[in-house]
């Protein structure tokens, strides 16, 4: 299925199942010829879920030109994770003979391939794999800890990408031969779309269910890994296969799930909105469904809350991803188009990245920062504009209540941020007192004691 991954500030790249990676400019034009063409290697049948299904650019892509693809080999269906390099002669072209295969495993059935790949905030490559296909996990892959299938894998490709190693903090590194050390998380059916929150580092995994439940699994950024999400013992929070429940006491349920009452059938994740154009979407996880054509927003503020944003009937969305500025796009399977997601509420994100109160350093200044840098800004002191304070940060040298008004020049919509109350430091004071002292065996004398008063917050 197509996916969206940005690799330049002005463009994005999207793979198609047939084995092509295209560059799409921000004006919607497609760069020709394709960035990468690998049809001879890839199974390009439209009658299954195989083909070129994953794409990830190295965090240091601008310097090293490395990127990674996930595809099924033609005729065999073998899952293949390969490294390619950008052409030295043309940055809009990959070097087609630079392929280096990092990892392969068998996948004879035509569905539940997974294939999503993301670099995490730790710099490691995470790979989502399906359970091997068929219905009901016939190979019992989800709970088989020697199988790569039905998992999230985590590997270290380094800065050169010639081979991979196992990160030292992987949860099963020292499990010897009983668990594959590449495994980061298990008990998944088909996590074909997952994503990291670019602000917090939290991991969001959308896992396709069997017949009853679609689920969203959440893993906080400080997780040590080793989480078992339950498939095929459980389908979401519902029992599925008792034979696979030998790890029942260590299973982790989904953060959110939904049934198939509204023609839903297959969740398509999804990412947390960290753009700057729409304040009502900021911090929410947006996801969709391949069958229903609906888009939802999930707010995880203690109790998960889901709101439907739109219903685009007969659309089959296969990805929902962000560009380099955090704005969101979705990909239509039946239309072969990329759509930009917007909100009816045009108020831009206005967020002062600071505590509600702050104190100036003694004799110094304090810098306040507004989230983002691609809009226009007017800083306010006690509700009044500060002359010349028009960047996305402001250096404070006086006490008062500060906020920032943010305007989107494309549509004129404005929003005013939260406030930070800045106080002046309390001046240090000192008292001097002199008194007589007598030391045993010594002559009388005087001592001066300086007592420091006041405080500095």
Protein backbone atom coordinates (compact mmCIF):
# COMPACT_ATOMS: atom_id res chain seq x y z
CA UNK A 1 0.00 0.00 0.00
CA UNK A 2 1.20 3.57 -0.52
CA UNK A 3 2.81 5.47 2.32
CA UNK A 4 4.04 9.03 2.85
CA UNK A 5 7.51 9.84 4.11
CA UNK A 6 9.14 13.26 3.76
CA UNK A 7 12.79 13.44 2.75
CA UNK A 8 13.16 17.02 1.57
CA UNK A 9 11.83 20.28 2.91
CA UNK A 10 9.86 20.89 -0.29
CA UNK A 11 8.76 17.40 -1.23
CA UNK A 12 7.53 14.05 -0.03
CA UNK A 13 8.03 10.52 -1.30
CA UNK A 14 5.46 7.80 -1.70
CA UNK A 15 5.95 4.17 -2.75
CA UNK A 16 3.45 2.19 -4.79
CA UNK A 17 2.90 -1.53 -4.57
CA UNK A 18 4.22 -2.09 -8.06
CA UNK A 19 7.74 -1.15 -6.94
CA UNK A 20 8.06 2.56 -7.65
CA UNK A 21 8.95 5.42 -5.33
CA UNK A 22 7.78 8.82 -6.55
CA UNK A 23 8.72 12.33 -5.41
CA UNK A 24 5.70 14.60 -5.01
CA UNK A 25 6.34 18.34 -4.87
CA UNK A 26 4.30 20.54 -2.54
CA UNK A 27 2.41 21.93 -5.53
CA UNK A 28 1.12 18.42 -6.30
CA UNK A 29 3.33 17.72 -9.31
CA UNK A 30 5.13 14.39 -9.56
CA UNK A 31 8.82 14.35 -10.46
CA UNK A 32 9.64 12.09 -13.40
CA UNK A 33 11.19 9.61 -13.70
CA UNK A 34 10.44 7.83 -10.41
CA UNK A 35 12.95 8.23 -7.58
CA UNK A 36 13.33 4.43 -7.39
CA UNK A 37 12.16 1.58 -9.61
CA UNK A 38 12.39 -2.04 -8.43
CA UNK A 39 9.63 -3.96 -10.29
CA UNK A 40 11.80 -7.03 -11.05
CA UNK A 41 12.29 -7.67 -7.34
CA UNK A 42 8.81 -6.85 -6.02
CA UNK A 43 5.61 -8.87 -6.13
CA UNK A 44 3.34 -6.32 -7.78
CA UNK A 45 -0.01 -8.12 -7.76
CA UNK A 46 -3.01 -5.92 -6.92
CA UNK A 47 -4.91 -8.98 -5.74
CA UNK A 48 -2.99 -9.21 -2.47
CA UNK A 49 -1.29 -7.07 0.17
CA UNK A 50 2.21 -7.73 -1.08
CA UNK A 51 4.56 -5.57 -3.10
CA UNK A 52 6.58 -2.50 -2.13
CA UNK A 53 4.87 -1.63 1.16
CA UNK A 54 7.35 0.31 3.29
CA UNK A 55 9.77 3.23 2.99
CA UNK A 56 11.93 5.03 5.56
CA UNK A 57 14.63 7.66 5.11
CA UNK A 58 17.65 7.59 7.38
CA UNK A 59 17.69 10.41 9.99
CA UNK A 60 20.95 11.57 8.39
CA UNK A 61 19.64 11.21 4.85
CA UNK A 62 20.77 14.69 3.82
CA UNK A 63 24.35 13.67 4.63
CA UNK A 64 24.51 9.94 3.83
CA UNK A 65 21.73 9.50 1.22
CA UNK A 66 20.52 6.23 2.76
CA UNK A 67 16.92 5.01 2.73
CA UNK A 68 15.20 1.69 3.39
CA UNK A 69 12.39 -0.23 1.71
CA UNK A 70 10.22 -3.20 2.68
CA UNK A 71 8.93 -5.37 -0.16
CA UNK A 72 7.86 -8.93 -0.95
CA UNK A 73 10.05 -10.76 -3.41
CA UNK A 74 8.38 -11.76 -6.64
CA UNK A 75 7.09 -15.37 -6.85
CA UNK A 76 8.17 -16.30 -3.29
CA UNK A 77 6.60 -13.52 -1.20
CA UNK A 78 9.70 -13.41 1.00
CA UNK A 79 9.67 -10.24 3.12
CA UNK A 80 12.76 -8.18 2.37
CA UNK A 81 14.17 -5.11 4.13
CA UNK A 82 16.79 -3.45 1.94
CA UNK A 83 18.99 -0.38 2.04
CA UNK A 84 19.39 1.84 -1.03
CA UNK A 85 21.45 4.95 -1.67
CA UNK A 86 20.67 8.26 -3.32
CA UNK A 87 22.34 8.83 -6.66
CA UNK A 88 25.52 10.86 -6.39
CA UNK A 89 24.73 12.54 -9.71
CA UNK A 90 21.06 13.45 -9.14
CA UNK A 91 19.42 13.98 -5.71
CA UNK A 92 16.01 13.24 -7.26
CA UNK A 93 17.16 9.73 -8.21
CA UNK A 94 18.16 6.67 -6.24
CA UNK A 95 21.00 4.43 -7.30
CA UNK A 96 19.12 1.28 -8.44
CA UNK A 97 22.15 -0.98 -8.11
CA UNK A 98 22.97 0.12 -4.55
CA UNK A 99 20.60 -2.36 -2.88
CA UNK A 100 21.93 -4.07 0.20
CA UNK A 101 19.58 -6.65 1.74
CA UNK A 102 19.56 -6.41 5.53
CA UNK A 103 16.93 -8.90 6.58
CA UNK A 104 14.56 -11.46 5.02
CA UNK A 105 11.98 -13.94 6.28
CA UNK A 106 9.38 -16.24 4.72
CA UNK A 107 5.84 -15.01 4.07
CA UNK A 108 4.06 -17.44 1.73
CA UNK A 109 0.48 -16.16 2.22
CA UNK A 110 -0.72 -13.03 0.38
CA UNK A 111 -1.97 -10.91 3.30
CA UNK A 112 -0.96 -9.46 6.68
CA UNK A 113 2.42 -8.34 5.47
CA UNK A 114 2.76 -5.25 7.64
CA UNK A 115 5.73 -3.39 6.19
CA UNK A 116 5.64 -0.05 7.99
CA UNK A 117 9.11 1.20 8.89
CA UNK A 118 10.02 4.24 11.00
CA UNK A 119 13.16 5.59 12.58
CA UNK A 120 12.46 6.22 16.24
CA UNK A 121 13.71 9.17 18.29
CA UNK A 122 16.53 6.88 19.44
CA UNK A 123 17.81 6.63 15.85
CA UNK A 124 16.96 2.93 15.50
CA UNK A 125 14.87 1.44 12.70
CA UNK A 126 11.50 0.01 13.78
CA UNK A 127 9.77 -2.49 11.47
CA UNK A 128 6.14 -3.61 11.71
CA UNK A 129 5.42 -7.16 10.55
CA UNK A 130 2.12 -8.96 10.01
CA UNK A 131 1.34 -12.39 11.45
CA UNK A 132 1.90 -14.22 8.16
CA UNK A 133 -1.57 -14.12 6.67
CA UNK A 134 -4.62 -16.30 6.58
CA UNK A 135 -7.37 -15.96 9.16
CA UNK A 136 -6.95 -16.44 12.90
CA UNK A 137 -3.14 -16.57 12.91
CA UNK A 138 -2.84 -20.15 11.58
CA UNK A 139 0.93 -20.18 12.14
CA UNK A 140 0.52 -18.89 15.74
CA UNK A 141 3.06 -16.21 14.88
CA UNK A 142 1.84 -13.49 17.23
CA UNK A 143 2.95 -15.37 20.34
CA UNK A 144 5.91 -17.18 18.74
CA UNK A 145 8.94 -15.30 20.05
CA UNK A 146 11.29 -16.96 17.57
CA UNK A 147 9.28 -15.63 14.63
CA UNK A 148 9.70 -12.18 13.12
CA UNK A 149 5.99 -12.18 12.18
CA UNK A 150 3.35 -10.36 14.21
CA UNK A 151 5.93 -8.08 15.80
CA UNK A 152 7.60 -4.71 15.95
CA UNK A 153 11.32 -5.25 15.31
CA UNK A 154 14.05 -2.79 16.31
CA UNK A 155 17.47 -2.78 14.69
CA UNK A 156 20.47 -0.46 14.51
CA UNK A 157 21.58 0.34 10.96
CA UNK A 158 24.20 2.88 12.00
CA UNK A 159 25.19 5.80 9.80
CA UNK A 160 26.52 3.73 6.88
CA UNK A 161 23.69 1.17 6.70
CA UNK A 162 25.75 -1.72 5.35
CA UNK A 163 24.41 -4.18 7.93
CA UNK A 164 22.46 -4.09 11.15
CA UNK A 165 23.22 -4.81 14.77
CA UNK A 166 20.98 -5.38 17.78
CA UNK A 167 20.62 -2.31 20.02
CA UNK A 168 22.11 -2.91 23.44
CA UNK A 169 18.82 -1.97 25.15
CA UNK A 170 16.61 -4.34 23.14
CA UNK A 171 14.50 -6.27 25.68
CA UNK A 172 15.48 -9.76 24.47
CA UNK A 173 19.13 -9.18 23.64
CA UNK A 174 20.28 -11.71 26.26
CA UNK A 175 17.50 -14.27 25.78
CA UNK A 176 19.98 -16.53 23.98
CA UNK A 177 18.15 -18.81 21.53
CA UNK A 178 14.65 -18.65 23.05
CA UNK A 179 13.61 -15.24 21.64
CA UNK A 180 14.69 -13.38 18.51
CA UNK A 181 16.74 -10.42 19.78
CA UNK A 182 15.37 -8.12 17.06
CA UNK A 183 11.90 -8.19 18.68
CA UNK A 184 10.79 -4.97 20.38
CA UNK A 185 7.07 -5.78 20.79
CA UNK A 186 4.92 -8.85 20.11
CA UNK A 187 1.32 -10.05 19.94
CA UNK A 188 0.34 -8.04 16.86
CA UNK A 189 -1.81 -9.12 13.94
CA UNK A 190 -1.05 -6.63 11.19
CA UNK A 191 0.55 -3.37 12.40
CA UNK A 192 0.83 -2.02 8.88
CA UNK A 193 0.78 1.59 10.10
CA UNK A 194 2.52 2.91 13.21
CA UNK A 195 4.14 6.21 14.08
CA UNK A 196 6.14 8.13 16.65
CA UNK A 197 4.89 11.40 18.10
CA UNK A 198 7.56 13.82 16.92
CA UNK A 199 7.12 15.96 20.04
CA UNK A 200 6.98 13.36 22.85
CA UNK A 201 8.55 10.27 21.23
CA UNK A 202 5.52 8.12 22.15
CA UNK A 203 4.79 5.18 19.85
CA UNK A 204 1.29 4.71 18.39
CA UNK A 205 0.54 1.33 16.76
CA UNK A 206 -2.62 0.76 14.72
CA UNK A 207 -3.24 -3.00 14.55
CA UNK A 208 -5.81 -4.51 12.18
CA UNK A 209 -8.24 -6.90 13.86
CA UNK A 210 -9.85 -10.14 12.75
CA UNK A 211 -13.66 -9.80 12.66
CA UNK A 212 -14.64 -7.82 15.75
CA UNK A 213 -12.12 -5.21 16.83
CA UNK A 214 -9.70 -2.64 15.39
CA UNK A 215 -7.21 -1.42 17.94
CA UNK A 216 -4.78 1.37 18.74
CA UNK A 217 -1.88 0.47 21.00
CA UNK A 218 0.09 3.14 22.83
CA UNK A 219 3.66 2.87 24.06
CA UNK A 220 5.14 5.79 26.01
CA UNK A 221 8.55 7.09 25.02
CA UNK A 222 10.18 5.72 28.17
CA UNK A 223 9.02 2.14 27.53
CA UNK A 224 11.80 -0.46 27.80
CA UNK A 225 10.06 -2.57 25.14
CA UNK A 226 9.07 -6.20 25.51
CA UNK A 227 5.34 -5.40 25.45
CA UNK A 228 2.98 -8.20 24.35
CA UNK A 229 -0.25 -6.82 22.83
CA UNK A 230 -2.10 -10.12 22.97
CA UNK A 231 -2.81 -11.43 19.48
CA UNK A 232 -3.96 -14.17 18.94
CA UNK A 233 -4.96 -14.86 22.52
CA UNK A 234 -6.97 -11.65 22.34
CA UNK A 235 -8.50 -9.54 19.60
CA UNK A 236 -8.40 -6.14 21.21
CA UNK A 237 -10.01 -6.69 24.62
CA UNK A 238 -12.02 -9.69 23.42
CA UNK A 239 -10.88 -13.33 23.89
CA UNK A 240 -9.97 -15.01 20.62
CA UNK A 241 -7.85 -18.16 20.92
CA UNK A 242 -7.40 -19.70 24.36
CA UNK A 243 -4.59 -21.95 23.12
CA UNK A 244 -2.46 -18.83 22.60
CA UNK A 245 -3.05 -17.44 26.11
CA UNK A 246 0.00 -18.90 27.82
CA UNK A 247 1.31 -15.34 28.38
CA UNK A 248 -2.09 -14.05 29.55
CA UNK A 249 -0.88 -12.34 32.72
CA UNK A 250 1.63 -10.21 30.83
CA UNK A 251 -0.58 -8.98 27.99
CA UNK A 252 -1.16 -5.28 27.38
CA UNK A 253 -4.55 -4.18 26.07
CA UNK A 254 -5.17 -1.40 23.54
CA UNK A 255 -5.51 2.24 24.42
CA UNK A 256 -8.56 2.43 22.16
CA UNK A 257 -10.59 0.01 20.03
CA UNK A 258 -13.68 0.09 17.83
CA UNK A 259 -16.01 -2.48 16.27
CA UNK A 260 -17.32 -2.93 12.72
CA UNK A 261 -20.80 -1.52 13.22
CA UNK A 262 -20.30 1.37 10.80
CA UNK A 263 -18.83 -0.57 7.84
CA UNK A 264 -15.35 -0.33 9.36
CA UNK A 265 -13.08 -3.29 8.70
CA UNK A 266 -9.38 -2.34 8.81
CA UNK A 267 -7.77 0.47 10.80
CA UNK A 268 -5.29 2.70 9.00
CA UNK A 269 -3.04 4.65 11.36
CA UNK A 270 -2.30 7.44 11.92
CA UNK A 271 -0.08 10.03 13.50
CA UNK A 272 -0.15 12.79 16.10
CA UNK A 273 -0.67 16.24 14.60
CA UNK A 274 2.27 18.53 15.36
CA UNK A 275 1.75 21.06 12.60
CA UNK A 276 1.08 24.74 13.24
CA UNK A 277 -1.97 25.56 11.12
CA UNK A 278 -4.79 24.03 13.20
CA UNK A 279 -4.91 24.50 16.95
CA UNK A 280 -7.95 22.19 17.32
CA UNK A 281 -5.94 19.23 15.97
CA UNK A 282 -2.69 19.83 17.84
CA UNK A 283 -1.59 16.88 19.97
CA UNK A 284 -4.36 14.59 18.74
CA UNK A 285 -3.77 11.23 17.06
CA UNK A 286 -5.54 11.12 13.68
CA UNK A 287 -6.42 7.79 12.08
CA UNK A 288 -8.76 6.34 9.48
CA UNK A 289 -10.24 3.05 8.26
CA UNK A 290 -9.64 1.35 4.91
CA UNK A 291 -13.30 0.37 4.46
CA UNK A 292 -15.28 3.20 6.05
CA UNK A 293 -13.46 6.24 4.69
CA UNK A 294 -13.83 8.04 8.03
CA UNK A 295 -11.18 10.10 9.78
CA UNK A 296 -11.09 10.35 13.57
CA UNK A 297 -9.05 12.29 16.15
CA UNK A 298 -8.08 10.66 19.44
CA UNK A 299 -7.15 12.84 22.41
CA UNK A 300 -5.20 10.99 25.08
CA UNK A 301 -5.74 13.25 28.10
CA UNK A 302 -6.03 10.64 30.81
CA UNK A 303 -9.20 9.14 29.34
CA UNK A 304 -8.98 8.51 25.55
CA UNK A 305 -11.63 10.50 23.66
CA UNK A 306 -12.40 9.94 19.98
CA UNK A 307 -14.15 12.46 17.71
CA UNK A 308 -15.06 11.83 14.06
CA UNK A 309 -13.64 14.60 11.87
CA UNK A 310 -15.05 13.56 8.52
CA UNK A 311 -16.76 10.83 6.50
CA UNK A 312 -15.42 10.45 2.97
CA UNK A 313 -17.60 7.67 1.63
CA UNK A 314 -16.15 5.14 -0.79
CA UNK A 315 -12.61 6.33 -0.07
CA UNK A 316 -10.10 3.67 0.87
CA UNK A 317 -7.32 5.42 2.76
CA UNK A 318 -4.07 3.51 3.08
CA UNK A 319 -1.90 5.97 5.01
CA UNK A 320 -2.16 9.07 7.14
CA UNK A 321 1.19 10.78 7.54
CA UNK A 322 2.84 14.14 8.21
CA UNK A 323 5.19 16.18 6.09
CA UNK A 324 8.34 17.89 7.37
CA UNK A 325 6.31 20.76 8.84
CA UNK A 326 3.88 18.45 10.64
CA UNK A 327 0.90 18.98 8.31
CA UNK A 328 -1.09 15.85 7.52
CA UNK A 329 -1.87 13.95 4.32
CA UNK A 330 -3.77 10.80 3.48
CA UNK A 331 -3.49 8.49 0.49
CA UNK A 332 -6.42 7.14 -1.54
CA UNK A 333 -6.04 3.52 -2.66
CA UNK A 334 -8.81 3.58 -5.27
CA UNK A 335 -8.03 7.11 -6.53
CA UNK A 336 -4.21 6.90 -6.37
CA UNK A 337 -4.16 10.45 -5.00
CA UNK A 338 -2.57 12.16 -2.02
CA UNK A 339 -4.93 14.44 -0.06
CA UNK A 340 -4.01 17.18 2.40
CA UNK A 341 -5.99 17.25 5.65
CA UNK A 342 -7.33 20.62 6.78
CA UNK A 343 -9.68 21.81 9.51
CA UNK A 344 -12.74 24.05 9.33
CA UNK A 345 -11.30 25.89 12.34
CA UNK A 346 -8.48 27.97 10.90
CA UNK A 347 -7.07 29.20 14.24
CA UNK A 348 -3.34 28.40 14.13
CA UNK A 349 -1.40 26.77 16.94
CA UNK A 350 -0.47 29.43 19.52
CA UNK A 351 1.53 27.82 22.26
CA UNK A 352 4.02 29.50 24.53
CA UNK A 353 6.60 26.83 25.37
CA UNK A 354 7.13 27.90 28.98
CA UNK A 355 5.89 27.33 32.50
CA UNK A 356 2.97 29.47 33.74
CA UNK A 357 5.40 31.41 35.92
CA UNK A 358 9.07 32.29 35.55
CA UNK A 359 11.60 34.55 37.24
CA UNK A 360 14.19 36.71 35.56
CA UNK A 361 17.78 35.86 36.46
CA UNK A 362 19.39 38.52 38.61
CA UNK A 363 20.71 41.13 36.22
CA UNK A 364 19.90 38.92 33.21
CA UNK A 365 17.24 38.11 30.63
CA UNK A 366 14.88 35.26 29.86
CA UNK A 367 14.02 33.89 26.41
CA UNK A 368 10.43 32.85 25.72
CA UNK A 369 9.65 30.65 22.71
CA UNK A 370 6.51 30.17 20.66
CA UNK A 371 5.89 26.77 19.07
CA UNK A 372 6.62 26.78 15.34
CA UNK A 373 8.40 29.22 13.08
CA UNK A 374 6.40 29.34 9.85
CA UNK A 375 3.67 31.82 10.85
CA UNK A 376 3.78 35.47 11.95
CA UNK A 377 4.11 36.50 15.59
CA UNK A 378 3.35 39.50 17.79
CA UNK A 379 4.47 39.34 21.41
CA UNK A 380 2.29 40.93 24.07
CA UNK A 381 3.21 42.38 27.48
CA UNK A 382 0.23 42.70 29.79
CA UNK A 383 -1.99 42.30 26.75
CA UNK A 384 -0.36 45.09 24.74
CA UNK A 385 1.84 44.64 21.65
CA UNK A 386 5.59 44.97 22.14
CA UNK A 387 7.09 47.06 19.36
CA UNK A 388 9.39 45.04 17.13
CA UNK A 389 8.67 41.73 18.89
CA UNK A 390 7.73 39.76 15.78
CA UNK A 391 9.85 36.59 15.77
CA UNK A 392 8.89 33.20 17.19
CA UNK A 393 10.91 33.99 20.35
CA UNK A 394 11.34 37.04 22.54
CA UNK A 395 14.03 38.00 25.05
CA UNK A 396 12.39 39.25 28.23
CA UNK A 397 14.13 41.82 30.46
CA UNK A 398 11.19 43.10 32.52
CA UNK A 399 8.52 41.63 34.73
CA UNK A 400 4.98 41.24 33.46
CA UNK A 401 2.50 38.88 31.81
CA UNK A 402 3.67 37.67 28.40
CA UNK A 403 1.80 35.97 25.57
CA UNK A 404 2.06 35.85 21.79
CA UNK A 405 -0.50 36.40 19.04
CA UNK A 406 0.04 34.02 16.13
CA UNK A 407 -1.34 34.70 12.65
CA UNK A 408 -1.43 32.49 9.58
CA UNK A 409 -0.62 34.87 6.69
CA UNK A 410 -2.23 32.49 4.19
CA UNK A 411 -5.74 33.05 5.57
CA UNK A 412 -5.43 35.84 8.15
CA UNK A 413 -6.61 33.60 11.01
CA UNK A 414 -5.14 34.43 14.42
CA UNK A 415 -4.90 32.88 17.85
CA UNK A 416 -3.43 34.08 21.15
CA UNK A 417 -1.30 31.77 23.24
CA UNK A 418 -1.28 30.85 26.88
CA UNK A 419 0.39 33.29 29.29
CA UNK A 420 3.58 33.25 31.31
CA UNK A 421 3.89 35.54 34.31
CA UNK A 422 7.48 36.73 34.66
CA UNK A 423 8.56 38.18 37.99
CA UNK A 424 11.66 40.14 38.90
CA UNK A 425 14.20 38.46 41.18
CA UNK A 426 14.14 39.31 44.87
CA UNK A 427 17.22 41.38 45.63
CA UNK A 428 19.75 39.84 47.96
CA UNK A 429 20.28 41.67 51.26
CA UNK A 430 22.97 41.42 53.95
CA UNK A 431 23.35 42.50 57.55
CA UNK A 432 26.69 42.93 59.33
CA UNK A 433 27.00 42.33 63.04
CA UNK A 434 30.19 42.51 65.12
CA UNK A 435 30.47 41.00 68.61
CA UNK A 436 33.13 39.89 71.04
CA UNK A 437 34.23 36.28 71.24
CA UNK A 438 36.47 34.45 73.68
CA UNK A 439 38.34 31.31 72.75
CA UNK A 440 39.74 29.05 75.52
CA UNK A 441 43.40 29.63 75.85
CA UNK A 442 43.44 32.54 73.44
CA UNK A 443 43.21 36.29 73.77
CA UNK A 444 39.89 38.04 73.39
CA UNK A 445 39.03 39.20 69.88
CA UNK A 446 36.19 40.13 67.56
CA UNK A 447 34.48 38.31 64.71
CA UNK A 448 32.30 39.64 61.92
CA UNK A 449 29.38 37.47 60.75
CA UNK A 450 27.62 38.31 57.49
CA UNK A 451 24.07 36.95 57.40
CA UNK A 452 22.50 36.65 53.94
CA UNK A 453 18.81 37.52 53.82
CA UNK A 454 16.13 37.27 51.20
CA UNK A 455 15.86 34.67 48.49
CA UNK A 456 16.17 34.22 44.77
CA UNK A 457 13.47 32.14 43.09
